[in-house]
């Protein structure tokens, strides 16, 4: 009789379970009633822009301030000198350009995302990579399309934001800029705007896509540990995940592209920084405060972009649901995207 017991084979631990999450189907460009989409979008996004505009004014003032001042000091100075209306300097001009710029942006975004996504999937690209690539390409094309309209509006509104006494209003600013610099004066910093907003949008939409997948992946493992086989989140849960993903993407995009945005703002607003010369603007900034000078206004820009991203994406997804053609909404809800994470 052996004194050592025969060891029984130990069964390997079961693989971690994960739930299969069924998300509401994406609403493609072809499913949208374009008229309803643009009319409702104009109203919704105008309201969002009005709520976030004070942070944009504060960011712009910090970027061009000499000597540099803190965010709180800039806000207190503006409130003391101009009152609450100072936080809405140039808003009418900005809002006028927002309507056509948003229309171009949304059209380019949705059409590019649908086209690139279909091509990538047809070429056998895995779904996560195809989704991120399509989102990045859509953000890039949308930014380029929108900047053809937005750059002149940006030039005018930013000059009004900083309290330039030369201009009595938006129309007066257009007249004086064209008289002194020609039509090209309205497109000061256009190349820098493309260099800023194109990568910013590409980073944002790609980060947004990946953040969503990461959050849903984590939730599927939580649900799976409880033994749930399939989960269909309601629209409230979907909106929360979209909002959190948008905030993450907005913060990441703000940090990465902040130096480019500071350079662009300087070129558009400050006449002595070298009339469209990127190199000279960079040298002036570096002399003023080194690399840190390129990050002036980061706090309000980070806050503005994160809040804007969260508000915009939830508004945007809500807008798409409101704008579906008759019959498309019910079919998109019943035919859900089956995502296994």
Protein backbone atom coordinates (compact mmCIF):
# COMPACT_ATOMS: atom_id res chain seq x y z
CA UNK A 1 0.00 0.00 0.00
CA UNK A 2 1.47 3.32 -1.08
CA UNK A 3 1.79 6.05 1.51
CA UNK A 4 1.53 8.83 -1.15
CA UNK A 5 -1.94 9.41 -2.47
CA UNK A 6 -2.29 9.47 -6.21
CA UNK A 7 -2.85 13.05 -7.31
CA UNK A 8 -6.11 13.66 -9.14
CA UNK A 9 -5.89 15.80 -12.24
CA UNK A 10 -6.98 19.40 -11.59
CA UNK A 11 -9.52 20.76 -14.06
CA UNK A 12 -8.56 24.08 -15.63
CA UNK A 13 -10.62 27.06 -14.44
CA UNK A 14 -13.52 27.94 -16.69
CA UNK A 15 -12.91 30.82 -19.10
CA UNK A 16 -14.26 34.14 -17.90
CA UNK A 17 -17.80 34.57 -19.14
CA UNK A 18 -18.82 37.62 -21.07
CA UNK A 19 -22.25 38.77 -22.10
CA UNK A 20 -23.33 39.40 -25.65
CA UNK A 21 -24.47 42.99 -25.81
CA UNK A 22 -27.06 43.95 -28.41
CA UNK A 23 -26.81 47.65 -29.22
CA UNK A 24 -29.35 49.67 -31.21
CA UNK A 25 -28.39 49.67 -34.88
CA UNK A 26 -26.39 52.60 -36.25
CA UNK A 27 -28.48 55.06 -38.22
CA UNK A 28 -26.80 55.41 -41.60
CA UNK A 29 -26.80 58.46 -43.86
CA UNK A 30 -29.34 56.82 -46.20
CA UNK A 31 -31.85 56.41 -43.33
CA UNK A 32 -32.01 60.13 -42.56
CA UNK A 33 -34.61 62.64 -43.67
CA UNK A 34 -32.05 65.27 -44.71
CA UNK A 35 -34.40 68.27 -44.43
CA UNK A 36 -35.47 67.35 -40.91
CA UNK A 37 -31.87 66.50 -40.02
CA UNK A 38 -30.50 69.93 -40.97
CA UNK A 39 -33.41 72.03 -39.67
CA UNK A 40 -33.55 70.30 -36.28
CA UNK A 41 -29.76 70.22 -36.12
CA UNK A 42 -29.55 73.98 -36.61
CA UNK A 43 -31.77 74.62 -33.61
CA UNK A 44 -30.25 72.03 -31.31
CA UNK A 45 -26.61 72.91 -32.00
CA UNK A 46 -27.26 76.66 -31.80
CA UNK A 47 -28.47 76.14 -28.24
CA UNK A 48 -25.43 74.04 -27.37
CA UNK A 49 -23.08 76.64 -28.89
CA UNK A 50 -24.71 79.40 -26.82
CA UNK A 51 -24.19 77.43 -23.60
CA UNK A 52 -20.49 76.75 -24.28
CA UNK A 53 -19.51 80.06 -25.90
CA UNK A 54 -18.19 81.79 -22.71
CA UNK A 55 -15.48 79.11 -22.34
CA UNK A 56 -14.37 79.76 -25.94
CA UNK A 57 -14.12 83.51 -25.29
CA UNK A 58 -12.07 82.90 -22.14
CA UNK A 59 -9.75 80.46 -23.93
CA UNK A 60 -9.15 82.96 -26.75
CA UNK A 61 -8.34 85.79 -24.33
CA UNK A 62 -5.83 83.62 -22.48
CA UNK A 63 -4.10 82.61 -25.72
CA UNK A 64 -3.44 86.19 -26.82
CA UNK A 65 -2.85 87.83 -23.43
CA UNK A 66 0.41 89.72 -22.90
CA UNK A 67 1.65 89.24 -20.23
CA UNK A 68 0.03 85.87 -19.48
CA UNK A 69 -2.66 85.82 -16.80
CA UNK A 70 -4.53 83.07 -15.00
CA UNK A 71 -7.92 81.77 -16.07
CA UNK A 72 -9.68 83.18 -12.97
CA UNK A 73 -8.03 86.58 -13.42
CA UNK A 74 -9.09 86.74 -17.07
CA UNK A 75 -12.69 85.86 -16.16
CA UNK A 76 -12.79 88.42 -13.34
CA UNK A 77 -11.27 91.13 -15.55
CA UNK A 78 -13.74 90.47 -18.35
CA UNK A 79 -16.70 90.45 -15.97
CA UNK A 80 -15.55 93.66 -14.27
CA UNK A 81 -14.84 95.56 -17.49
CA UNK A 82 -17.68 94.39 -19.73
CA UNK A 83 -20.16 92.54 -17.53
CA UNK A 84 -21.80 89.22 -18.48
CA UNK A 85 -22.27 90.39 -22.07
CA UNK A 86 -18.50 90.33 -22.49
CA UNK A 87 -18.59 86.52 -22.47
CA UNK A 88 -20.74 86.66 -25.61
CA UNK A 89 -18.64 89.04 -27.70
CA UNK A 90 -18.84 87.97 -31.35
CA UNK A 91 -21.54 85.36 -30.67
CA UNK A 92 -23.94 86.64 -33.35
CA UNK A 93 -21.17 86.40 -35.96
CA UNK A 94 -20.16 82.97 -34.73
CA UNK A 95 -23.75 81.71 -34.80
CA UNK A 96 -24.27 83.00 -38.35
CA UNK A 97 -21.37 80.89 -39.57
CA UNK A 98 -22.25 77.90 -37.43
CA UNK A 99 -25.34 77.01 -39.49
CA UNK A 100 -23.67 76.39 -42.89
CA UNK A 101 -20.49 75.06 -41.27
CA UNK A 102 -22.45 72.50 -39.23
CA UNK A 103 -24.43 71.48 -42.30
CA UNK A 104 -21.23 70.81 -44.26
CA UNK A 105 -19.67 69.07 -41.28
CA UNK A 106 -22.56 66.68 -40.67
CA UNK A 107 -23.02 65.87 -44.36
CA UNK A 108 -19.31 65.11 -44.87
CA UNK A 109 -19.11 63.16 -41.59
CA UNK A 110 -22.02 60.81 -42.22
CA UNK A 111 -21.39 60.23 -45.92
CA UNK A 112 -17.67 59.55 -45.42
CA UNK A 113 -18.24 57.27 -42.44
CA UNK A 114 -20.75 55.15 -44.37
CA UNK A 115 -18.58 54.96 -47.50
CA UNK A 116 -15.26 54.22 -45.78
CA UNK A 117 -16.84 51.78 -43.34
CA UNK A 118 -18.40 49.79 -46.17
CA UNK A 119 -15.12 49.68 -48.14
CA UNK A 120 -13.07 48.66 -45.08
CA UNK A 121 -15.51 45.90 -44.15
CA UNK A 122 -15.56 44.67 -47.76
CA UNK A 123 -11.77 44.41 -47.73
CA UNK A 124 -11.93 42.13 -44.69
CA UNK A 125 -10.68 44.64 -42.12
CA UNK A 126 -11.71 43.53 -38.58
CA UNK A 127 -14.72 45.40 -37.25
CA UNK A 128 -12.94 47.36 -34.45
CA UNK A 129 -10.22 48.58 -36.82
CA UNK A 130 -12.71 49.32 -39.60
CA UNK A 131 -14.89 51.33 -37.22
CA UNK A 132 -11.95 53.37 -35.87
CA UNK A 133 -10.53 53.98 -39.36
CA UNK A 134 -13.92 55.01 -40.79
CA UNK A 135 -14.49 57.37 -37.83
CA UNK A 136 -11.05 58.97 -38.24
CA UNK A 137 -11.51 59.43 -41.99
CA UNK A 138 -14.99 60.91 -41.43
CA UNK A 139 -13.68 63.37 -38.85
CA UNK A 140 -10.87 64.42 -41.17
CA UNK A 141 -13.12 65.06 -44.17
CA UNK A 142 -15.74 66.81 -42.04
CA UNK A 143 -13.16 69.21 -40.59
CA UNK A 144 -11.76 70.13 -44.01
CA UNK A 145 -15.26 70.74 -45.43
CA UNK A 146 -16.39 72.86 -42.48
CA UNK A 147 -13.25 75.02 -42.41
CA UNK A 148 -13.98 76.46 -45.85
CA UNK A 149 -16.89 78.28 -44.21
CA UNK A 150 -15.73 78.43 -40.61
CA UNK A 151 -12.28 80.06 -41.00
CA UNK A 152 -13.59 83.54 -42.00
CA UNK A 153 -16.19 83.36 -39.22
CA UNK A 154 -13.48 82.29 -36.78
CA UNK A 155 -11.22 85.20 -37.78
CA UNK A 156 -13.98 87.75 -37.28
CA UNK A 157 -15.51 86.32 -34.10
CA UNK A 158 -12.13 85.88 -32.38
CA UNK A 159 -11.17 89.49 -33.06
CA UNK A 160 -14.45 90.55 -31.49
CA UNK A 161 -13.88 88.15 -28.57
CA UNK A 162 -10.64 89.83 -27.54
CA UNK A 163 -12.34 93.23 -27.43
CA UNK A 164 -10.61 94.78 -30.44
CA UNK A 165 -11.89 98.38 -30.39
CA UNK A 166 -11.24 98.81 -34.12
CA UNK A 167 -14.44 96.95 -34.96
CA UNK A 168 -18.01 98.07 -34.23
CA UNK A 169 -19.40 94.64 -35.05
CA UNK A 170 -19.15 91.65 -37.36
CA UNK A 171 -20.06 93.50 -40.59
CA UNK A 172 -17.68 96.35 -39.76
CA UNK A 173 -14.92 93.81 -39.10
CA UNK A 174 -15.48 92.14 -42.49
CA UNK A 175 -15.37 95.48 -44.28
CA UNK A 176 -12.17 96.64 -42.57
CA UNK A 177 -10.34 93.31 -42.90
CA UNK A 178 -11.15 93.08 -46.63
CA UNK A 179 -10.15 96.71 -47.16
CA UNK A 180 -6.76 96.25 -45.48
CA UNK A 181 -5.85 92.67 -46.43
CA UNK A 182 -8.25 91.68 -49.21
CA UNK A 183 -10.42 88.57 -49.12
CA UNK A 184 -7.33 86.57 -48.10
CA UNK A 185 -7.44 88.44 -44.81
CA UNK A 186 -10.58 86.51 -43.91
CA UNK A 187 -8.67 83.28 -44.42
CA UNK A 188 -5.72 84.11 -42.20
CA UNK A 189 -4.59 80.93 -40.52
CA UNK A 190 -6.59 78.72 -42.91
CA UNK A 191 -3.74 76.25 -43.34
CA UNK A 192 -3.16 76.26 -39.61
CA UNK A 193 -6.88 75.70 -39.06
CA UNK A 194 -6.75 72.63 -41.30
CA UNK A 195 -3.62 71.43 -39.48
CA UNK A 196 -5.43 71.94 -36.16
CA UNK A 197 -8.96 70.74 -36.78
CA UNK A 198 -8.29 67.90 -39.23
CA UNK A 199 -6.09 65.86 -36.85
CA UNK A 200 -8.21 67.01 -33.90
CA UNK A 201 -11.35 65.59 -35.48
CA UNK A 202 -9.60 62.43 -36.63
CA UNK A 203 -8.24 61.86 -33.11
CA UNK A 204 -11.62 62.67 -31.57
CA UNK A 205 -13.72 60.30 -33.68
CA UNK A 206 -11.18 57.46 -33.53
CA UNK A 207 -10.84 57.89 -29.73
CA UNK A 208 -14.60 58.05 -29.38
CA UNK A 209 -15.03 54.78 -31.28
CA UNK A 210 -12.32 53.00 -29.26
CA UNK A 211 -13.56 54.39 -25.91
CA UNK A 212 -17.05 53.11 -26.62
CA UNK A 213 -15.76 49.63 -27.43
CA UNK A 214 -13.64 49.60 -24.28
CA UNK A 215 -16.57 50.62 -22.06
CA UNK A 216 -18.95 48.11 -23.62
CA UNK A 217 -16.25 45.45 -23.34
CA UNK A 218 -15.90 46.11 -19.62
CA UNK A 219 -19.65 46.07 -19.13
CA UNK A 220 -19.97 42.77 -20.99
CA UNK A 221 -17.52 41.12 -18.59
CA UNK A 222 -19.43 42.49 -15.59
CA UNK A 223 -22.70 41.17 -16.99
CA UNK A 224 -21.03 37.89 -17.92
CA UNK A 225 -19.86 37.24 -14.35
CA UNK A 226 -23.49 37.27 -13.35
CA UNK A 227 -24.30 34.63 -15.89
CA UNK A 228 -26.25 36.86 -18.26
CA UNK A 229 -26.29 35.47 -21.80
CA UNK A 230 -27.52 38.52 -23.70
CA UNK A 231 -28.05 42.14 -22.72
CA UNK A 232 -29.92 44.84 -24.63
CA UNK A 233 -29.12 48.26 -23.10
CA UNK A 234 -31.86 50.88 -23.21
CA UNK A 235 -31.28 54.22 -24.91
CA UNK A 236 -30.51 55.88 -21.58
CA UNK A 237 -27.59 53.53 -20.94
CA UNK A 238 -26.39 53.95 -24.52
CA UNK A 239 -26.51 57.76 -24.14
CA UNK A 240 -24.46 57.61 -20.91
CA UNK A 241 -21.79 55.45 -22.55
CA UNK A 242 -21.70 57.76 -25.57
CA UNK A 243 -21.39 60.81 -23.31
CA UNK A 244 -18.52 59.35 -21.26
CA UNK A 245 -16.73 58.20 -24.43
CA UNK A 246 -17.15 61.68 -25.95
CA UNK A 247 -15.71 63.36 -22.84
CA UNK A 248 -12.66 61.07 -22.95
CA UNK A 249 -12.19 61.72 -26.66
CA UNK A 250 -12.63 65.48 -26.25
CA UNK A 251 -10.07 65.68 -23.45
CA UNK A 252 -7.52 63.63 -25.41
CA UNK A 253 -8.00 65.75 -28.53
CA UNK A 254 -7.71 69.01 -26.56
CA UNK A 255 -4.37 68.04 -24.99
CA UNK A 256 -2.83 66.73 -28.23
CA UNK A 257 -3.82 69.67 -30.45
CA UNK A 258 -3.59 72.58 -27.96
CA UNK A 259 -0.29 74.02 -29.32
CA UNK A 260 -1.70 74.03 -32.85
CA UNK A 261 -4.85 75.82 -31.68
CA UNK A 262 -2.80 78.48 -29.86
CA UNK A 263 -0.70 79.14 -32.96
CA UNK A 264 -3.83 79.34 -35.14
CA UNK A 265 -5.51 81.80 -32.76
CA UNK A 266 -2.42 84.03 -32.62
CA UNK A 267 -2.18 84.12 -36.42
CA UNK A 268 -5.84 85.04 -36.81
CA UNK A 269 -6.04 87.67 -34.08
CA UNK A 270 -2.69 89.37 -33.54
CA UNK A 271 -1.50 91.56 -36.39
CA UNK A 272 2.10 91.72 -35.17
CA UNK A 273 2.67 87.96 -35.20
CA UNK A 274 3.55 87.88 -38.84
CA UNK A 275 0.51 87.84 -41.13
CA UNK A 276 0.10 84.13 -41.70
CA UNK A 277 3.69 83.11 -41.02
CA UNK A 278 3.63 80.00 -38.87
CA UNK A 279 7.37 80.02 -38.08
CA UNK A 280 7.39 83.57 -36.76
CA UNK A 281 4.29 82.98 -34.63
CA UNK A 282 5.93 79.92 -33.07
CA UNK A 283 9.14 81.84 -32.33
CA UNK A 284 7.18 84.67 -30.65
CA UNK A 285 5.31 82.17 -28.48
CA UNK A 286 8.48 80.34 -27.46
CA UNK A 287 10.16 83.63 -26.53
CA UNK A 288 7.20 84.57 -24.35
CA UNK A 289 7.12 81.41 -22.28
CA UNK A 290 8.62 78.38 -23.96
CA UNK A 291 6.44 75.35 -24.60
CA UNK A 292 4.16 76.37 -21.73
CA UNK A 293 3.02 79.41 -23.74
CA UNK A 294 1.53 77.03 -26.31
CA UNK A 295 -0.71 75.59 -23.61
CA UNK A 296 -2.24 78.84 -22.36
CA UNK A 297 -5.98 78.42 -22.07
CA UNK A 298 -5.71 74.62 -21.84
CA UNK A 299 -8.06 74.40 -18.84
CA UNK A 300 -11.00 76.24 -20.45
CA UNK A 301 -10.34 74.53 -23.82
CA UNK A 302 -10.20 71.10 -22.17
CA UNK A 303 -13.39 71.86 -20.26
CA UNK A 304 -15.07 73.33 -23.33
CA UNK A 305 -14.11 70.44 -25.60
CA UNK A 306 -15.06 67.76 -23.07
CA UNK A 307 -18.41 69.35 -22.24
CA UNK A 308 -19.00 70.21 -25.87
CA UNK A 309 -18.15 66.69 -26.97
CA UNK A 310 -20.46 65.12 -24.39
CA UNK A 311 -23.31 67.49 -25.18
CA UNK A 312 -22.78 67.44 -28.92
CA UNK A 313 -22.62 63.67 -29.31
CA UNK A 314 -25.70 62.99 -27.18
CA UNK A 315 -27.53 65.77 -29.05
CA UNK A 316 -26.24 64.42 -32.36
CA UNK A 317 -27.39 60.86 -31.70
CA UNK A 318 -30.75 62.17 -30.48
CA UNK A 319 -30.99 64.29 -33.64
CA UNK A 320 -30.35 61.25 -35.84
CA UNK A 321 -33.13 59.31 -34.12
CA UNK A 322 -35.51 62.26 -34.59
CA UNK A 323 -34.51 62.58 -38.25
CA UNK A 324 -34.94 58.99 -39.43
CA UNK A 325 -37.25 58.49 -42.38
CA UNK A 326 -40.67 57.00 -41.67
CA UNK A 327 -40.17 53.29 -41.03
CA UNK A 328 -36.39 53.49 -40.71
CA UNK A 329 -36.50 54.11 -36.96
CA UNK A 330 -38.46 50.98 -36.18
CA UNK A 331 -36.34 48.83 -38.46
CA UNK A 332 -33.11 50.17 -37.00
CA UNK A 333 -34.38 49.46 -33.48
CA UNK A 334 -35.55 45.94 -34.26
CA UNK A 335 -32.44 45.05 -36.24
CA UNK A 336 -29.87 45.67 -33.53
CA UNK A 337 -26.14 45.46 -33.92
CA UNK A 338 -25.03 42.29 -32.19
CA UNK A 339 -21.70 43.11 -30.56
CA UNK A 340 -19.85 40.42 -28.61
CA UNK A 341 -17.17 41.85 -26.33
